[in-house]
Amino acid sequence: METNPTHEARIVQLENDLRATQAAAQKYKQDLEKLRQQYADDLFAERQINKELRTESHRILLDYERLRVQKGGFGLKMLFFSGWGGFFSGALVCAVYFLFLHPKADHVVAFTRFRDAHLFKYELSINQGQFGAVEQDLKESLNMPENAAIRPQLEFVKKIVGAARRRCE
């Protein structure tokens, strides 16, 4: 039986390729083993670091507890003092508000608003002798619900305008 030289060359080439592939597979197995070992080392190092951090955290908590006991409840004292400080600050602000800013009653505010809106118009009308227009506007203002708090003042002004009209006629 005779062998074909092209088949022998092909077989030799395939055997060489097989040996190269086996060598590459062996190299990859070694690389994989190195990576596994490195992962195991890194995992061990991470666990050691976590253990050290837990130990340090526990030590800090114990130190804090000892310090808190030595200081005799520093946190509660500070909470007590800040509460009283807030109370006195609030009381001071309220006192300043009521002593210096004087909150105004509703009728004072309503009359001030009415005066600002109508005083100039009424003065001008009275100077021009148009007492009837002023009295009519005052009658309309008496019936408005926002002027209910100042109804006595409006009636007083209406009577004064009526008296001035009668005197001028």
N, C-alpha and C. Protein backbone atom coordinates (compact mmCIF):
# COMPACT_ATOMS: atom_id res chain seq x y z
N MET A 1 0.80 -1.15 0.00
CA MET A 1 0.00 0.00 0.00
C MET A 1 0.86 1.24 0.00
N GLU A 2 0.53 2.03 -0.85
CA GLU A 2 1.31 3.23 -1.07
C GLU A 2 0.58 4.43 -0.50
N THR A 3 1.33 5.34 0.12
CA THR A 3 0.70 6.52 0.70
C THR A 3 0.93 7.70 -0.22
N ASN A 4 -0.02 8.50 -0.19
CA ASN A 4 0.04 9.70 -1.02
C ASN A 4 0.82 10.77 -0.25
N PRO A 5 1.84 11.40 -0.93
CA PRO A 5 2.66 12.38 -0.22
C PRO A 5 1.85 13.61 0.23
N THR A 6 0.81 13.94 -0.46
CA THR A 6 0.03 15.12 -0.04
C THR A 6 -0.76 14.80 1.21
N HIS A 7 -1.18 13.51 1.33
CA HIS A 7 -1.92 13.14 2.53
C HIS A 7 -0.97 13.09 3.73
N GLU A 8 0.25 12.61 3.50
CA GLU A 8 1.22 12.55 4.60
C GLU A 8 1.57 13.97 5.09
N ALA A 9 1.73 14.87 4.15
CA ALA A 9 2.03 16.26 4.53
C ALA A 9 0.85 16.85 5.29
N ARG A 10 -0.30 16.49 4.85
CA ARG A 10 -1.51 17.01 5.51
C ARG A 10 -1.61 16.42 6.92
N ILE A 11 -1.32 15.15 7.09
CA ILE A 11 -1.35 14.49 8.39
C ILE A 11 -0.32 15.13 9.31
N VAL A 12 0.89 15.38 8.79
CA VAL A 12 1.94 16.01 9.59
C VAL A 12 1.48 17.41 10.02
N GLN A 13 0.90 18.12 9.10
CA GLN A 13 0.42 19.47 9.44
C GLN A 13 -0.68 19.40 10.50
N LEU A 14 -1.61 18.47 10.40
CA LEU A 14 -2.67 18.31 11.39
C LEU A 14 -2.11 17.91 12.74
N GLU A 15 -1.08 17.03 12.74
CA GLU A 15 -0.46 16.65 14.01
C GLU A 15 0.22 17.86 14.65
N ASN A 16 0.89 18.67 13.82
CA ASN A 16 1.52 19.90 14.35
C ASN A 16 0.47 20.86 14.91
N ASP A 17 -0.64 20.99 14.18
CA ASP A 17 -1.73 21.86 14.65
C ASP A 17 -2.31 21.32 15.96
N LEU A 18 -2.42 19.98 16.07
CA LEU A 18 -2.94 19.37 17.29
C LEU A 18 -2.02 19.64 18.46
N ARG A 19 -0.68 19.48 18.25
CA ARG A 19 0.27 19.76 19.31
C ARG A 19 0.22 21.25 19.70
N ALA A 20 0.08 22.15 18.73
CA ALA A 20 0.01 23.59 19.02
C ALA A 20 -1.26 23.91 19.80
N THR A 21 -2.36 23.28 19.42
CA THR A 21 -3.63 23.49 20.10
C THR A 21 -3.57 22.95 21.53
N GLN A 22 -2.93 21.77 21.70
CA GLN A 22 -2.78 21.20 23.04
C GLN A 22 -1.89 22.09 23.91
N ALA A 23 -0.83 22.66 23.31
CA ALA A 23 0.05 23.56 24.05
C ALA A 23 -0.71 24.82 24.45
N ALA A 24 -1.53 25.35 23.53
CA ALA A 24 -2.32 26.55 23.84
C ALA A 24 -3.34 26.24 24.93
N ALA A 25 -3.97 25.04 24.84
CA ALA A 25 -4.95 24.64 25.85
C ALA A 25 -4.26 24.52 27.21
N GLN A 26 -3.04 23.96 27.24
CA GLN A 26 -2.30 23.83 28.50
C GLN A 26 -1.97 25.22 29.05
N LYS A 27 -1.59 26.15 28.17
CA LYS A 27 -1.27 27.52 28.58
C LYS A 27 -2.53 28.19 29.15
N TYR A 28 -3.68 28.01 28.50
CA TYR A 28 -4.93 28.60 28.99
C TYR A 28 -5.34 28.01 30.33
N LYS A 29 -5.09 26.70 30.51
CA LYS A 29 -5.40 26.08 31.79
C LYS A 29 -4.54 26.69 32.89
N GLN A 30 -3.25 26.93 32.57
CA GLN A 30 -2.37 27.54 33.56
C GLN A 30 -2.82 28.98 33.87
N ASP A 31 -3.20 29.73 32.82
CA ASP A 31 -3.69 31.10 33.04
C ASP A 31 -4.97 31.10 33.88
N LEU A 32 -5.85 30.14 33.59
CA LEU A 32 -7.08 30.02 34.36
C LEU A 32 -6.78 29.70 35.82
N GLU A 33 -5.84 28.83 36.06
CA GLU A 33 -5.46 28.46 37.42
C GLU A 33 -4.85 29.67 38.14
N LYS A 34 -4.03 30.47 37.42
CA LYS A 34 -3.46 31.68 38.01
C LYS A 34 -4.57 32.67 38.39
N LEU A 35 -5.56 32.84 37.49
CA LEU A 35 -6.66 33.76 37.76
C LEU A 35 -7.50 33.28 38.96
N ARG A 36 -7.71 31.96 39.04
CA ARG A 36 -8.45 31.42 40.18
C ARG A 36 -7.69 31.69 41.49
N GLN A 37 -6.40 31.47 41.45
CA GLN A 37 -5.59 31.70 42.64
C GLN A 37 -5.60 33.19 43.02
N GLN A 38 -5.50 34.06 42.01
CA GLN A 38 -5.52 35.50 42.26
C GLN A 38 -6.88 35.91 42.84
N TYR A 39 -7.96 35.34 42.31
CA TYR A 39 -9.30 35.64 42.83
C TYR A 39 -9.41 35.19 44.28
N ALA A 40 -8.91 34.01 44.57
CA ALA A 40 -8.96 33.50 45.94
C ALA A 40 -8.15 34.40 46.87
N ASP A 41 -6.97 34.85 46.42
CA ASP A 41 -6.16 35.75 47.24
C ASP A 41 -6.87 37.08 47.46
N ASP A 42 -7.48 37.62 46.39
CA ASP A 42 -8.19 38.89 46.52
C ASP A 42 -9.40 38.76 47.45
N LEU A 43 -10.11 37.66 47.35
CA LEU A 43 -11.26 37.42 48.21
C LEU A 43 -10.83 37.31 49.67
N PHE A 44 -9.72 36.62 49.91
CA PHE A 44 -9.20 36.50 51.26
C PHE A 44 -8.80 37.87 51.80
N ALA A 45 -8.12 38.68 50.96
CA ALA A 45 -7.70 40.01 51.38
C ALA A 45 -8.93 40.89 51.69
N GLU A 46 -9.95 40.77 50.86
CA GLU A 46 -11.17 41.56 51.09
C GLU A 46 -11.83 41.15 52.40
N ARG A 47 -11.89 39.88 52.68
CA ARG A 47 -12.48 39.42 53.93
C ARG A 47 -11.66 39.90 55.12
N GLN A 48 -10.37 39.94 54.99
CA GLN A 48 -9.52 40.44 56.07
C GLN A 48 -9.79 41.93 56.31
N ILE A 49 -9.91 42.68 55.22
CA ILE A 49 -10.18 44.12 55.35
C ILE A 49 -11.54 44.34 56.01
N ASN A 50 -12.55 43.56 55.58
CA ASN A 50 -13.88 43.69 56.19
C ASN A 50 -13.83 43.36 57.68
N LYS A 51 -13.09 42.34 58.03
CA LYS A 51 -12.96 41.96 59.44
C LYS A 51 -12.30 43.10 60.23
N GLU A 52 -11.25 43.70 59.67
CA GLU A 52 -10.57 44.81 60.34
C GLU A 52 -11.51 46.00 60.49
N LEU A 53 -12.31 46.30 59.44
CA LEU A 53 -13.24 47.43 59.50
C LEU A 53 -14.32 47.19 60.55
N ARG A 54 -14.85 45.97 60.63
CA ARG A 54 -15.84 45.66 61.66
C ARG A 54 -15.25 45.81 63.05
N THR A 55 -14.02 45.35 63.22
CA THR A 55 -13.35 45.47 64.51
C THR A 55 -13.15 46.94 64.86
N GLU A 56 -12.72 47.73 63.90
CA GLU A 56 -12.50 49.17 64.13
C GLU A 56 -13.82 49.88 64.45
N SER A 57 -14.86 49.53 63.72
CA SER A 57 -16.18 50.13 63.98
C SER A 57 -16.65 49.78 65.38
N HIS A 58 -16.50 48.56 65.79
CA HIS A 58 -16.91 48.13 67.13
C HIS A 58 -16.09 48.87 68.19
N ARG A 59 -14.81 49.04 67.94
CA ARG A 59 -13.96 49.75 68.89
C ARG A 59 -14.40 51.21 69.01
N ILE A 60 -14.73 51.84 67.89
CA ILE A 60 -15.16 53.24 67.92
C ILE A 60 -16.47 53.37 68.69
N LEU A 61 -17.41 52.45 68.47
CA LEU A 61 -18.67 52.49 69.21
C LEU A 61 -18.44 52.33 70.71
N LEU A 62 -17.55 51.43 71.08
CA LEU A 62 -17.25 51.26 72.50
C LEU A 62 -16.62 52.51 73.09
N ASP A 63 -15.69 53.12 72.33
CA ASP A 63 -15.07 54.37 72.80
C ASP A 63 -16.12 55.46 72.98
N TYR A 64 -17.05 55.55 72.04
CA TYR A 64 -18.10 56.57 72.14
C TYR A 64 -18.97 56.32 73.37
N GLU A 65 -19.33 55.07 73.61
CA GLU A 65 -20.14 54.75 74.78
C GLU A 65 -19.41 55.11 76.06
N ARG A 66 -18.12 54.80 76.13
CA ARG A 66 -17.34 55.15 77.32
C ARG A 66 -17.29 56.66 77.51
N LEU A 67 -17.08 57.39 76.42
CA LEU A 67 -17.01 58.84 76.50
C LEU A 67 -18.36 59.42 76.94
N ARG A 68 -19.43 58.89 76.39
CA ARG A 68 -20.77 59.37 76.74
C ARG A 68 -21.04 59.15 78.23
N VAL A 69 -20.65 58.00 78.74
CA VAL A 69 -20.85 57.70 80.16
C VAL A 69 -19.96 58.61 81.01
N GLN A 70 -18.73 58.86 80.56
CA GLN A 70 -17.83 59.74 81.31
C GLN A 70 -18.38 61.16 81.38
N LYS A 71 -18.96 61.62 80.30
CA LYS A 71 -19.47 62.99 80.27
C LYS A 71 -20.83 63.11 80.94
N GLY A 72 -21.43 62.03 81.32
CA GLY A 72 -22.69 62.09 82.06
C GLY A 72 -23.88 62.44 81.20
N GLY A 73 -24.01 61.87 80.04
CA GLY A 73 -25.18 62.14 79.21
C GLY A 73 -25.08 63.49 78.51
N PHE A 74 -23.98 63.76 77.90
CA PHE A 74 -23.75 65.04 77.23
C PHE A 74 -24.86 65.35 76.23
N GLY A 75 -25.32 64.35 75.52
CA GLY A 75 -26.35 64.58 74.50
C GLY A 75 -27.66 65.06 75.09
N LEU A 76 -28.07 64.48 76.21
CA LEU A 76 -29.32 64.90 76.84
C LEU A 76 -29.21 66.31 77.39
N LYS A 77 -28.06 66.63 77.96
CA LYS A 77 -27.88 67.98 78.47
C LYS A 77 -27.95 69.01 77.34
N MET A 78 -27.29 68.69 76.25
CA MET A 78 -27.31 69.63 75.12
C MET A 78 -28.72 69.76 74.54
N LEU A 79 -29.45 68.65 74.48
CA LEU A 79 -30.82 68.70 74.01
C LEU A 79 -31.67 69.57 74.94
N PHE A 80 -31.48 69.43 76.24
CA PHE A 80 -32.20 70.23 77.22
C PHE A 80 -31.87 71.71 77.05
N PHE A 81 -30.59 72.04 76.96
CA PHE A 81 -30.19 73.45 76.82
C PHE A 81 -30.65 74.05 75.50
N SER A 82 -30.58 73.29 74.41
CA SER A 82 -31.03 73.85 73.13
C SER A 82 -32.54 74.05 73.14
N GLY A 83 -33.29 73.18 73.83
CA GLY A 83 -34.74 73.37 73.95
C GLY A 83 -35.07 74.64 74.70
N TRP A 84 -34.41 74.86 75.83
CA TRP A 84 -34.65 76.08 76.59
C TRP A 84 -34.19 77.31 75.82
N GLY A 85 -33.07 77.18 75.10
CA GLY A 85 -32.60 78.31 74.30
C GLY A 85 -33.62 78.67 73.22
N GLY A 86 -34.20 77.67 72.58
CA GLY A 86 -35.23 77.92 71.58
C GLY A 86 -36.47 78.56 72.18
N PHE A 87 -36.86 78.08 73.36
CA PHE A 87 -38.02 78.65 74.03
C PHE A 87 -37.80 80.13 74.35
N PHE A 88 -36.64 80.45 74.93
CA PHE A 88 -36.37 81.85 75.28
C PHE A 88 -36.21 82.72 74.04
N SER A 89 -35.63 82.19 72.98
CA SER A 89 -35.52 82.96 71.74
C SER A 89 -36.90 83.26 71.18
N GLY A 90 -37.77 82.26 71.18
CA GLY A 90 -39.14 82.47 70.70
C GLY A 90 -39.88 83.48 71.55
N ALA A 91 -39.72 83.38 72.87
CA ALA A 91 -40.38 84.34 73.76
C ALA A 91 -39.86 85.75 73.52
N LEU A 92 -38.58 85.89 73.29
CA LEU A 92 -38.00 87.20 73.01
C LEU A 92 -38.55 87.78 71.70
N VAL A 93 -38.62 86.95 70.68
CA VAL A 93 -39.15 87.43 69.38
C VAL A 93 -40.61 87.84 69.54
N CYS A 94 -41.41 87.06 70.28
CA CYS A 94 -42.82 87.44 70.50
C CYS A 94 -42.92 88.75 71.27
N ALA A 95 -42.08 88.92 72.29
CA ALA A 95 -42.12 90.16 73.06
C ALA A 95 -41.76 91.36 72.19
N VAL A 96 -40.74 91.24 71.38
CA VAL A 96 -40.34 92.33 70.48
C VAL A 96 -41.48 92.64 69.51
N TYR A 97 -42.12 91.61 69.01
CA TYR A 97 -43.22 91.81 68.06
C TYR A 97 -44.36 92.58 68.71
N PHE A 98 -44.79 92.14 69.90
CA PHE A 98 -45.93 92.78 70.54
C PHE A 98 -45.58 94.15 71.13
N LEU A 99 -44.32 94.36 71.53
CA LEU A 99 -43.96 95.65 72.10
C LEU A 99 -43.68 96.71 71.05
N PHE A 100 -43.06 96.33 69.96
CA PHE A 100 -42.62 97.33 69.00
C PHE A 100 -43.42 97.36 67.70
N LEU A 101 -43.98 96.26 67.29
CA LEU A 101 -44.69 96.24 66.01
C LEU A 101 -46.20 96.41 66.17
N HIS A 102 -46.73 96.25 67.36
CA HIS A 102 -48.13 96.47 67.68
C HIS A 102 -49.07 95.94 66.60
N PRO A 103 -49.50 94.72 66.70
CA PRO A 103 -50.45 94.21 65.72
C PRO A 103 -51.74 95.03 65.79
N LYS A 104 -52.28 95.34 64.64
CA LYS A 104 -53.46 96.23 64.58
C LYS A 104 -54.74 95.41 64.53
N ALA A 105 -55.78 95.99 65.09
CA ALA A 105 -57.09 95.34 65.09
C ALA A 105 -57.68 95.38 63.68
N ASP A 106 -58.68 94.52 63.45
CA ASP A 106 -59.29 94.43 62.12
C ASP A 106 -59.96 95.74 61.71
N HIS A 107 -60.63 96.41 62.64
CA HIS A 107 -61.33 97.64 62.26
C HIS A 107 -60.34 98.76 61.93
N VAL A 108 -59.17 98.74 62.57
CA VAL A 108 -58.15 99.75 62.27
C VAL A 108 -57.61 99.53 60.85
N VAL A 109 -57.35 98.30 60.54
CA VAL A 109 -56.84 97.98 59.20
C VAL A 109 -57.89 98.30 58.14
N ALA A 110 -59.17 97.95 58.39
CA ALA A 110 -60.23 98.22 57.43
C ALA A 110 -60.42 99.71 57.22
N PHE A 111 -60.40 100.50 58.31
CA PHE A 111 -60.58 101.94 58.16
C PHE A 111 -59.40 102.58 57.44
N THR A 112 -58.21 102.10 57.73
CA THR A 112 -57.02 102.62 57.02
C THR A 112 -57.13 102.34 55.53
N ARG A 113 -57.58 101.16 55.17
CA ARG A 113 -57.75 100.81 53.75
C ARG A 113 -58.84 101.69 53.11
N PHE A 114 -59.96 101.89 53.83
CA PHE A 114 -61.05 102.73 53.31
C PHE A 114 -60.57 104.18 53.15
N ARG A 115 -59.86 104.68 54.16
CA ARG A 115 -59.36 106.05 54.11
C ARG A 115 -58.42 106.25 52.92
N ASP A 116 -57.50 105.30 52.72
CA ASP A 116 -56.55 105.42 51.62
C ASP A 116 -57.27 105.39 50.27
N ALA A 117 -58.36 104.64 50.18
CA ALA A 117 -59.06 104.52 48.90
C ALA A 117 -59.95 105.73 48.60
N HIS A 118 -60.54 106.37 49.63
CA HIS A 118 -61.59 107.37 49.37
C HIS A 118 -61.30 108.78 49.85
N LEU A 119 -60.33 109.01 50.70
CA LEU A 119 -60.15 110.32 51.32
C LEU A 119 -59.94 111.43 50.30
N PHE A 120 -59.07 111.25 49.35
CA PHE A 120 -58.78 112.32 48.39
C PHE A 120 -60.01 112.62 47.54
N LYS A 121 -60.70 111.56 47.13
CA LYS A 121 -61.90 111.74 46.30
C LYS A 121 -62.97 112.51 47.08
N TYR A 122 -63.14 112.18 48.38
CA TYR A 122 -64.14 112.88 49.19
C TYR A 122 -63.76 114.34 49.41
N GLU A 123 -62.52 114.61 49.69
CA GLU A 123 -62.07 115.99 49.89
C GLU A 123 -62.30 116.82 48.63
N LEU A 124 -61.97 116.25 47.50
CA LEU A 124 -62.15 116.97 46.24
C LEU A 124 -63.62 117.23 45.98
N SER A 125 -64.47 116.23 46.20
CA SER A 125 -65.91 116.40 45.97
C SER A 125 -66.49 117.44 46.93
N ILE A 126 -66.09 117.42 48.19
CA ILE A 126 -66.61 118.39 49.17
C ILE A 126 -66.15 119.79 48.81
N ASN A 127 -64.90 119.95 48.38
CA ASN A 127 -64.40 121.27 47.98
C ASN A 127 -65.15 121.80 46.77
N GLN A 128 -65.63 120.92 45.92
CA GLN A 128 -66.38 121.34 44.73
C GLN A 128 -67.87 121.47 45.03
N GLY A 129 -68.27 121.17 46.27
CA GLY A 129 -69.65 121.33 46.68
C GLY A 129 -70.53 120.14 46.31
N GLN A 130 -69.99 119.01 46.00
CA GLN A 130 -70.76 117.82 45.61
C GLN A 130 -70.98 116.92 46.82
N PHE A 131 -71.73 117.44 47.80
CA PHE A 131 -71.98 116.70 49.03
C PHE A 131 -72.84 115.46 48.78
N GLY A 132 -73.76 115.56 47.87
CA GLY A 132 -74.66 114.44 47.57
C GLY A 132 -73.91 113.23 47.05
N ALA A 133 -72.91 113.45 46.21
CA ALA A 133 -72.13 112.33 45.67
C ALA A 133 -71.35 111.62 46.79
N VAL A 134 -70.82 112.42 47.72
CA VAL A 134 -70.08 111.84 48.84
C VAL A 134 -71.02 111.05 49.74
N GLU A 135 -72.23 111.63 50.04
CA GLU A 135 -73.18 110.91 50.88
C GLU A 135 -73.66 109.62 50.21
N GLN A 136 -73.90 109.68 48.91
CA GLN A 136 -74.32 108.47 48.19
C GLN A 136 -73.23 107.40 48.23
N ASP A 137 -71.99 107.78 48.02
CA ASP A 137 -70.87 106.82 48.07
C ASP A 137 -70.73 106.23 49.47
N LEU A 138 -70.95 107.06 50.50
CA LEU A 138 -70.89 106.56 51.88
C LEU A 138 -72.02 105.57 52.16
N LYS A 139 -73.24 105.83 51.63
CA LYS A 139 -74.36 104.89 51.79
C LYS A 139 -74.01 103.53 51.16
N GLU A 140 -73.42 103.57 49.97
CA GLU A 140 -73.03 102.33 49.29
C GLU A 140 -71.93 101.60 50.07
N SER A 141 -71.01 102.36 50.63
CA SER A 141 -69.93 101.76 51.41
C SER A 141 -70.44 101.13 52.69
N LEU A 142 -71.52 101.67 53.26
CA LEU A 142 -72.11 101.10 54.48
C LEU A 142 -72.65 99.69 54.24
N ASN A 143 -73.11 99.42 53.04
CA ASN A 143 -73.72 98.13 52.73
C ASN A 143 -72.70 97.07 52.30
N MET A 144 -71.47 97.45 52.10
CA MET A 144 -70.45 96.49 51.67
C MET A 144 -70.01 95.62 52.84
N PRO A 145 -69.88 94.29 52.63
CA PRO A 145 -69.51 93.40 53.74
C PRO A 145 -68.09 93.63 54.25
N GLU A 146 -67.17 94.09 53.42
CA GLU A 146 -65.80 94.31 53.90
C GLU A 146 -65.71 95.53 54.81
N ASN A 147 -66.77 96.38 54.81
CA ASN A 147 -66.78 97.56 55.67
C ASN A 147 -67.63 97.36 56.92
N ALA A 148 -68.03 96.13 57.23
CA ALA A 148 -68.89 95.86 58.38
C ALA A 148 -68.20 96.25 59.69
N ALA A 149 -66.90 96.07 59.77
CA ALA A 149 -66.16 96.38 61.00
C ALA A 149 -66.09 97.88 61.27
N ILE A 150 -66.22 98.69 60.21
CA ILE A 150 -66.08 100.15 60.39
C ILE A 150 -67.41 100.88 60.14
N ARG A 151 -68.52 100.18 60.25
CA ARG A 151 -69.84 100.79 60.02
C ARG A 151 -70.07 102.02 60.93
N PRO A 152 -69.74 101.99 62.22
CA PRO A 152 -69.96 103.19 63.05
C PRO A 152 -69.13 104.39 62.57
N GLN A 153 -67.92 104.17 62.16
CA GLN A 153 -67.09 105.27 61.67
C GLN A 153 -67.67 105.85 60.37
N LEU A 154 -68.18 104.97 59.50
CA LEU A 154 -68.76 105.45 58.24
C LEU A 154 -70.04 106.25 58.49
N GLU A 155 -70.85 105.81 59.44
CA GLU A 155 -72.06 106.56 59.77
C GLU A 155 -71.69 107.93 60.35
N PHE A 156 -70.65 107.96 61.17
CA PHE A 156 -70.18 109.23 61.74
C PHE A 156 -69.75 110.19 60.63
N VAL A 157 -68.97 109.70 59.67
CA VAL A 157 -68.50 110.54 58.56
C VAL A 157 -69.68 111.01 57.73
N LYS A 158 -70.66 110.11 57.51
CA LYS A 158 -71.85 110.47 56.72
C LYS A 158 -72.61 111.60 57.41
N LYS A 159 -72.75 111.54 58.74
CA LYS A 159 -73.45 112.60 59.48
C LYS A 159 -72.70 113.92 59.40
N ILE A 160 -71.37 113.86 59.47
CA ILE A 160 -70.57 115.09 59.39
C ILE A 160 -70.71 115.71 58.00
N VAL A 161 -70.67 114.87 56.95
CA VAL A 161 -70.82 115.40 55.59
C VAL A 161 -72.21 116.00 55.42
N GLY A 162 -73.24 115.35 56.00
CA GLY A 162 -74.61 115.89 55.94
C GLY A 162 -74.70 117.24 56.65
N ALA A 163 -74.05 117.33 57.80
CA ALA A 163 -74.06 118.60 58.54
C ALA A 163 -73.33 119.68 57.76
N ALA A 164 -72.26 119.35 57.13
CA ALA A 164 -71.52 120.35 56.35
C ALA A 164 -72.36 120.78 55.14
N ARG A 165 -73.08 119.84 54.53
CA ARG A 165 -73.94 120.18 53.38
C ARG A 165 -75.04 121.14 53.82
N ARG A 166 -75.68 120.84 54.95
CA ARG A 166 -76.76 121.70 55.43
C ARG A 166 -76.24 123.11 55.77
N ARG A 167 -75.04 123.19 56.32
CA ARG A 167 -74.45 124.49 56.69
C ARG A 167 -74.14 125.31 55.44
N CYS A 168 -73.66 124.62 54.40
CA CYS A 168 -73.28 125.34 53.18
C CYS A 168 -74.48 125.75 52.36
N GLU A 169 -75.62 125.12 52.54
CA GLU A 169 -76.80 125.47 51.73
C GLU A 169 -77.52 126.53 52.38
